[in-house]
Amino acid sequence: MIGACSNQMGKCIIYTSDKNIGRKKLLEIEKEKNELGIKTIKTVMSSQRDAIYFDDGEEWIVLNPYMGIRGYRWRKAYVDAKNTSVSDLQCNILPYGYMYSWERERYFNW
């Protein structure tokens, strides 16, 4: 699926308030995609941004779900169930996948 998440700000998002958990999930996604033959084009791991770009057009980023990130629309999303409040889920995550996402959000870190 070429360009699956490549044409909008936000693309595919891992929502968590714990940067280490987000980075771990990002690396899990990279491993899964690489095992499927999808190559990693670029990896950015810094204090400012964690992101991985793939040759199928997907860009995965890690975001903290606070009010300042409103507007990041997503096609695919993973939500850290342990470190995300119901308020953040309802106000800052779900509205930006509604009518735009290709998949329902997925939850991890129970």
N, C-alpha and C. Protein backbone atom coordinates (compact mmCIF):
# COMPACT_ATOMS: atom_id res chain seq x y z
N MET A 1 0.84 -1.17 0.00
CA MET A 1 0.00 0.00 0.00
C MET A 1 0.89 1.24 0.00
N ILE A 2 1.22 1.73 -1.14
CA ILE A 2 2.12 2.87 -1.26
C ILE A 2 1.44 4.13 -0.74
N GLY A 3 2.18 4.90 0.05
CA GLY A 3 1.67 6.17 0.53
C GLY A 3 0.57 6.07 1.56
N ALA A 4 0.49 4.98 2.29
CA ALA A 4 -0.60 4.75 3.21
C ALA A 4 -0.78 5.87 4.21
N CYS A 5 0.28 6.47 4.66
CA CYS A 5 0.17 7.52 5.68
C CYS A 5 1.00 8.73 5.31
N SER A 6 1.30 8.93 4.05
CA SER A 6 2.31 9.92 3.71
C SER A 6 1.78 11.29 3.34
N ASN A 7 0.47 11.51 3.30
CA ASN A 7 0.01 12.78 2.76
C ASN A 7 -0.60 13.74 3.77
N GLN A 8 -0.52 13.49 5.04
CA GLN A 8 -1.09 14.38 6.04
C GLN A 8 -0.16 14.50 7.23
N MET A 9 -0.22 15.63 7.90
CA MET A 9 0.56 15.81 9.11
C MET A 9 0.10 14.80 10.16
N GLY A 10 1.02 14.14 10.78
CA GLY A 10 0.68 13.18 11.83
C GLY A 10 0.85 11.76 11.39
N LYS A 11 0.35 11.41 10.24
CA LYS A 11 0.52 10.11 9.66
C LYS A 11 0.04 8.98 10.56
N CYS A 12 0.95 8.22 11.12
CA CYS A 12 0.64 7.11 12.01
C CYS A 12 1.29 7.42 13.36
N ILE A 13 0.52 7.33 14.43
CA ILE A 13 0.97 7.90 15.70
C ILE A 13 0.92 6.90 16.84
N ILE A 14 1.93 6.95 17.69
CA ILE A 14 1.94 6.24 18.97
C ILE A 14 1.74 7.31 20.03
N TYR A 15 0.63 7.24 20.75
CA TYR A 15 0.31 8.21 21.80
C TYR A 15 0.71 7.66 23.16
N THR A 16 1.59 8.35 23.85
CA THR A 16 1.98 7.99 25.21
C THR A 16 2.62 9.18 25.89
N SER A 17 2.48 9.24 27.20
CA SER A 17 3.15 10.30 27.96
C SER A 17 4.51 9.84 28.46
N ASP A 18 4.88 8.60 28.18
CA ASP A 18 6.17 8.04 28.59
C ASP A 18 7.02 7.81 27.34
N LYS A 19 8.00 8.65 27.13
CA LYS A 19 8.83 8.60 25.92
C LYS A 19 9.52 7.24 25.73
N ASN A 20 9.96 6.62 26.81
CA ASN A 20 10.63 5.31 26.69
C ASN A 20 9.67 4.24 26.20
N ILE A 21 8.44 4.26 26.68
CA ILE A 21 7.45 3.29 26.22
C ILE A 21 7.12 3.53 24.75
N GLY A 22 7.00 4.79 24.36
CA GLY A 22 6.74 5.12 22.97
C GLY A 22 7.85 4.68 22.05
N ARG A 23 9.07 4.91 22.46
CA ARG A 23 10.23 4.50 21.67
C ARG A 23 10.28 2.98 21.52
N LYS A 24 9.98 2.26 22.60
CA LYS A 24 9.98 0.80 22.55
C LYS A 24 8.92 0.30 21.56
N LYS A 25 7.72 0.88 21.60
CA LYS A 25 6.66 0.48 20.67
C LYS A 25 7.05 0.82 19.24
N LEU A 26 7.67 1.96 19.03
CA LEU A 26 8.12 2.36 17.70
C LEU A 26 9.11 1.34 17.13
N LEU A 27 10.03 0.88 17.96
CA LEU A 27 11.00 -0.12 17.51
C LEU A 27 10.34 -1.47 17.26
N GLU A 28 9.28 -1.81 18.01
CA GLU A 28 8.52 -3.04 17.75
C GLU A 28 7.84 -2.97 16.38
N ILE A 29 7.25 -1.83 16.08
CA ILE A 29 6.60 -1.64 14.77
C ILE A 29 7.63 -1.76 13.65
N GLU A 30 8.81 -1.15 13.85
CA GLU A 30 9.87 -1.26 12.85
C GLU A 30 10.26 -2.71 12.62
N LYS A 31 10.43 -3.46 13.68
CA LYS A 31 10.80 -4.88 13.56
C LYS A 31 9.73 -5.66 12.79
N GLU A 32 8.45 -5.44 13.14
CA GLU A 32 7.35 -6.14 12.46
C GLU A 32 7.33 -5.82 10.97
N LYS A 33 7.48 -4.54 10.63
CA LYS A 33 7.43 -4.14 9.23
C LYS A 33 8.65 -4.66 8.46
N ASN A 34 9.82 -4.64 9.09
CA ASN A 34 11.02 -5.17 8.44
C ASN A 34 10.89 -6.67 8.18
N GLU A 35 10.26 -7.40 9.11
CA GLU A 35 10.04 -8.83 8.92
C GLU A 35 9.09 -9.11 7.76
N LEU A 36 8.22 -8.14 7.44
CA LEU A 36 7.30 -8.26 6.31
C LEU A 36 7.95 -7.81 5.00
N GLY A 37 9.21 -7.40 5.06
CA GLY A 37 9.93 -6.97 3.87
C GLY A 37 9.82 -5.48 3.58
N ILE A 38 9.24 -4.74 4.50
CA ILE A 38 9.13 -3.29 4.34
C ILE A 38 10.38 -2.66 4.95
N LYS A 39 11.09 -1.89 4.14
CA LYS A 39 12.36 -1.34 4.58
C LYS A 39 12.20 -0.02 5.32
N THR A 40 13.10 0.20 6.27
CA THR A 40 13.18 1.47 6.98
C THR A 40 13.99 2.44 6.14
N ILE A 41 13.43 3.61 5.86
CA ILE A 41 14.12 4.63 5.08
C ILE A 41 14.94 5.53 5.99
N LYS A 42 14.33 5.96 7.10
CA LYS A 42 14.99 6.90 7.99
C LYS A 42 14.48 6.69 9.41
N THR A 43 15.38 6.78 10.37
CA THR A 43 15.04 6.70 11.78
C THR A 43 15.54 7.96 12.48
N VAL A 44 14.65 8.60 13.25
CA VAL A 44 15.01 9.79 14.01
C VAL A 44 14.69 9.50 15.47
N MET A 45 15.69 9.47 16.31
CA MET A 45 15.51 9.28 17.74
C MET A 45 16.27 10.40 18.43
N SER A 46 15.54 11.37 18.96
CA SER A 46 16.18 12.50 19.61
C SER A 46 15.33 12.95 20.80
N SER A 47 15.82 13.93 21.51
CA SER A 47 15.06 14.46 22.63
C SER A 47 13.82 15.21 22.15
N GLN A 48 13.83 15.66 20.91
CA GLN A 48 12.71 16.42 20.34
C GLN A 48 11.68 15.56 19.63
N ARG A 49 12.14 14.49 18.97
CA ARG A 49 11.25 13.74 18.08
C ARG A 49 11.72 12.31 17.93
N ASP A 50 10.78 11.39 17.98
CA ASP A 50 11.03 9.99 17.64
C ASP A 50 10.15 9.66 16.44
N ALA A 51 10.76 9.22 15.34
CA ALA A 51 10.01 8.92 14.13
C ALA A 51 10.75 7.88 13.30
N ILE A 52 9.99 7.08 12.60
CA ILE A 52 10.57 6.14 11.64
C ILE A 52 9.76 6.22 10.36
N TYR A 53 10.47 6.30 9.23
CA TYR A 53 9.87 6.40 7.91
C TYR A 53 10.14 5.08 7.18
N PHE A 54 9.11 4.57 6.49
CA PHE A 54 9.22 3.29 5.80
C PHE A 54 9.01 3.47 4.31
N ASP A 55 9.51 2.50 3.53
CA ASP A 55 9.40 2.61 2.08
C ASP A 55 8.00 2.33 1.55
N ASP A 56 7.06 1.96 2.40
CA ASP A 56 5.67 1.80 1.96
C ASP A 56 4.89 3.11 2.11
N GLY A 57 5.58 4.18 2.52
CA GLY A 57 4.94 5.48 2.65
C GLY A 57 4.49 5.83 4.04
N GLU A 58 4.56 4.90 4.98
CA GLU A 58 4.14 5.18 6.34
C GLU A 58 5.23 5.91 7.11
N GLU A 59 4.79 6.87 7.92
CA GLU A 59 5.67 7.54 8.87
C GLU A 59 5.04 7.34 10.24
N TRP A 60 5.77 6.75 11.16
CA TRP A 60 5.30 6.55 12.53
C TRP A 60 6.02 7.52 13.44
N ILE A 61 5.25 8.23 14.28
CA ILE A 61 5.83 9.17 15.24
C ILE A 61 5.27 8.90 16.63
N VAL A 62 6.00 9.34 17.63
CA VAL A 62 5.57 9.24 19.02
C VAL A 62 5.14 10.63 19.49
N LEU A 63 3.93 10.72 20.05
CA LEU A 63 3.43 12.00 20.55
C LEU A 63 2.87 11.86 21.96
N ASN A 64 3.08 12.87 22.76
CA ASN A 64 2.47 12.98 24.08
C ASN A 64 1.07 13.57 23.88
N PRO A 65 0.01 12.89 24.35
CA PRO A 65 -1.35 13.35 24.05
C PRO A 65 -1.84 14.49 24.94
N TYR A 66 -1.24 15.65 24.82
CA TYR A 66 -1.69 16.82 25.58
C TYR A 66 -2.34 17.80 24.61
N MET A 67 -2.95 18.85 25.13
CA MET A 67 -3.72 19.79 24.31
C MET A 67 -2.92 20.38 23.14
N GLY A 68 -1.63 20.56 23.29
CA GLY A 68 -0.82 21.17 22.26
C GLY A 68 -0.67 20.36 20.99
N ILE A 69 -1.01 19.08 21.02
CA ILE A 69 -0.86 18.25 19.83
C ILE A 69 -2.15 18.13 19.05
N ARG A 70 -3.17 18.84 19.46
CA ARG A 70 -4.45 18.77 18.75
C ARG A 70 -4.24 19.14 17.29
N GLY A 71 -4.86 18.40 16.41
CA GLY A 71 -4.75 18.67 14.99
C GLY A 71 -3.91 17.65 14.23
N TYR A 72 -3.21 16.79 14.95
CA TYR A 72 -2.46 15.73 14.28
C TYR A 72 -3.44 14.63 13.87
N ARG A 73 -3.81 14.63 12.60
CA ARG A 73 -4.71 13.58 12.12
C ARG A 73 -3.92 12.30 11.90
N TRP A 74 -4.59 11.16 12.10
CA TRP A 74 -3.88 9.89 11.97
C TRP A 74 -4.68 8.88 11.16
N ARG A 75 -3.94 8.07 10.44
CA ARG A 75 -4.51 6.93 9.71
C ARG A 75 -4.50 5.69 10.58
N LYS A 76 -3.44 5.55 11.36
CA LYS A 76 -3.28 4.43 12.28
C LYS A 76 -2.75 4.99 13.59
N ALA A 77 -3.19 4.41 14.71
CA ALA A 77 -2.72 4.91 16.00
C ALA A 77 -2.65 3.79 17.02
N TYR A 78 -1.61 3.85 17.84
CA TYR A 78 -1.49 3.02 19.03
C TYR A 78 -1.58 3.95 20.23
N VAL A 79 -2.37 3.56 21.23
CA VAL A 79 -2.57 4.36 22.43
C VAL A 79 -2.08 3.59 23.63
N ASP A 80 -1.20 4.20 24.41
CA ASP A 80 -0.67 3.61 25.64
C ASP A 80 -1.80 3.63 26.67
N ALA A 81 -2.38 2.48 26.95
CA ALA A 81 -3.54 2.39 27.84
C ALA A 81 -3.20 2.78 29.28
N LYS A 82 -1.99 2.52 29.69
CA LYS A 82 -1.62 2.78 31.08
C LYS A 82 -1.28 4.25 31.33
N ASN A 83 -0.76 4.95 30.35
CA ASN A 83 -0.27 6.31 30.54
C ASN A 83 -1.04 7.37 29.76
N THR A 84 -2.30 7.07 29.41
CA THR A 84 -3.13 8.03 28.69
C THR A 84 -4.45 8.17 29.43
N SER A 85 -4.82 9.39 29.76
CA SER A 85 -6.08 9.61 30.49
C SER A 85 -7.28 9.51 29.54
N VAL A 86 -8.44 9.25 30.12
CA VAL A 86 -9.67 9.19 29.34
C VAL A 86 -9.93 10.55 28.69
N SER A 87 -9.65 11.62 29.41
CA SER A 87 -9.82 12.96 28.88
C SER A 87 -8.94 13.19 27.65
N ASP A 88 -7.66 12.81 27.72
CA ASP A 88 -6.78 12.95 26.56
C ASP A 88 -7.27 12.10 25.39
N LEU A 89 -7.73 10.90 25.69
CA LEU A 89 -8.25 10.02 24.65
C LEU A 89 -9.44 10.67 23.94
N GLN A 90 -10.38 11.18 24.71
CA GLN A 90 -11.60 11.75 24.14
C GLN A 90 -11.39 13.11 23.49
N CYS A 91 -10.48 13.91 24.02
CA CYS A 91 -10.29 15.29 23.51
C CYS A 91 -9.16 15.44 22.50
N ASN A 92 -8.11 14.66 22.65
CA ASN A 92 -6.89 14.91 21.87
C ASN A 92 -6.50 13.80 20.91
N ILE A 93 -7.16 12.64 21.01
CA ILE A 93 -6.76 11.52 20.15
C ILE A 93 -7.89 11.10 19.22
N LEU A 94 -9.00 10.62 19.78
CA LEU A 94 -10.07 10.07 18.95
C LEU A 94 -10.66 11.04 17.93
N PRO A 95 -10.87 12.32 18.29
CA PRO A 95 -11.46 13.22 17.28
C PRO A 95 -10.61 13.38 16.02
N TYR A 96 -9.31 13.14 16.12
CA TYR A 96 -8.43 13.37 14.97
C TYR A 96 -8.22 12.13 14.12
N GLY A 97 -8.81 11.03 14.52
CA GLY A 97 -8.82 9.84 13.69
C GLY A 97 -10.18 9.60 13.08
N TYR A 98 -11.20 10.22 13.68
CA TYR A 98 -12.56 10.06 13.22
C TYR A 98 -12.69 10.56 11.77
N MET A 99 -13.28 9.76 10.92
CA MET A 99 -13.49 10.08 9.51
C MET A 99 -12.18 10.20 8.72
N TYR A 100 -11.08 9.82 9.28
CA TYR A 100 -9.80 9.93 8.60
C TYR A 100 -9.01 8.62 8.69
N SER A 101 -9.18 7.92 9.79
CA SER A 101 -8.37 6.72 10.03
C SER A 101 -8.77 5.58 9.10
N TRP A 102 -7.81 4.72 8.82
CA TRP A 102 -8.07 3.52 8.05
C TRP A 102 -8.36 2.35 8.97
N GLU A 103 -7.94 2.48 10.20
CA GLU A 103 -8.15 1.43 11.20
C GLU A 103 -8.59 2.08 12.49
N ARG A 104 -9.26 1.32 13.33
CA ARG A 104 -9.55 1.81 14.68
C ARG A 104 -8.24 1.90 15.45
N GLU A 105 -8.23 2.77 16.44
CA GLU A 105 -7.05 2.87 17.29
C GLU A 105 -6.81 1.53 17.99
N ARG A 106 -5.58 1.25 18.29
CA ARG A 106 -5.20 0.04 19.02
C ARG A 106 -4.59 0.46 20.35
N TYR A 107 -4.78 -0.37 21.35
CA TYR A 107 -4.26 -0.07 22.67
C TYR A 107 -3.17 -1.04 23.03
N PHE A 108 -2.18 -0.55 23.76
CA PHE A 108 -1.07 -1.41 24.20
C PHE A 108 -0.67 -0.98 25.61
N ASN A 109 0.21 -1.74 26.23
CA ASN A 109 0.74 -1.46 27.57
C ASN A 109 -0.37 -1.48 28.64
N TRP A 110 -1.12 -2.57 28.64
CA TRP A 110 -2.17 -2.74 29.64
C TRP A 110 -1.50 -3.00 30.94
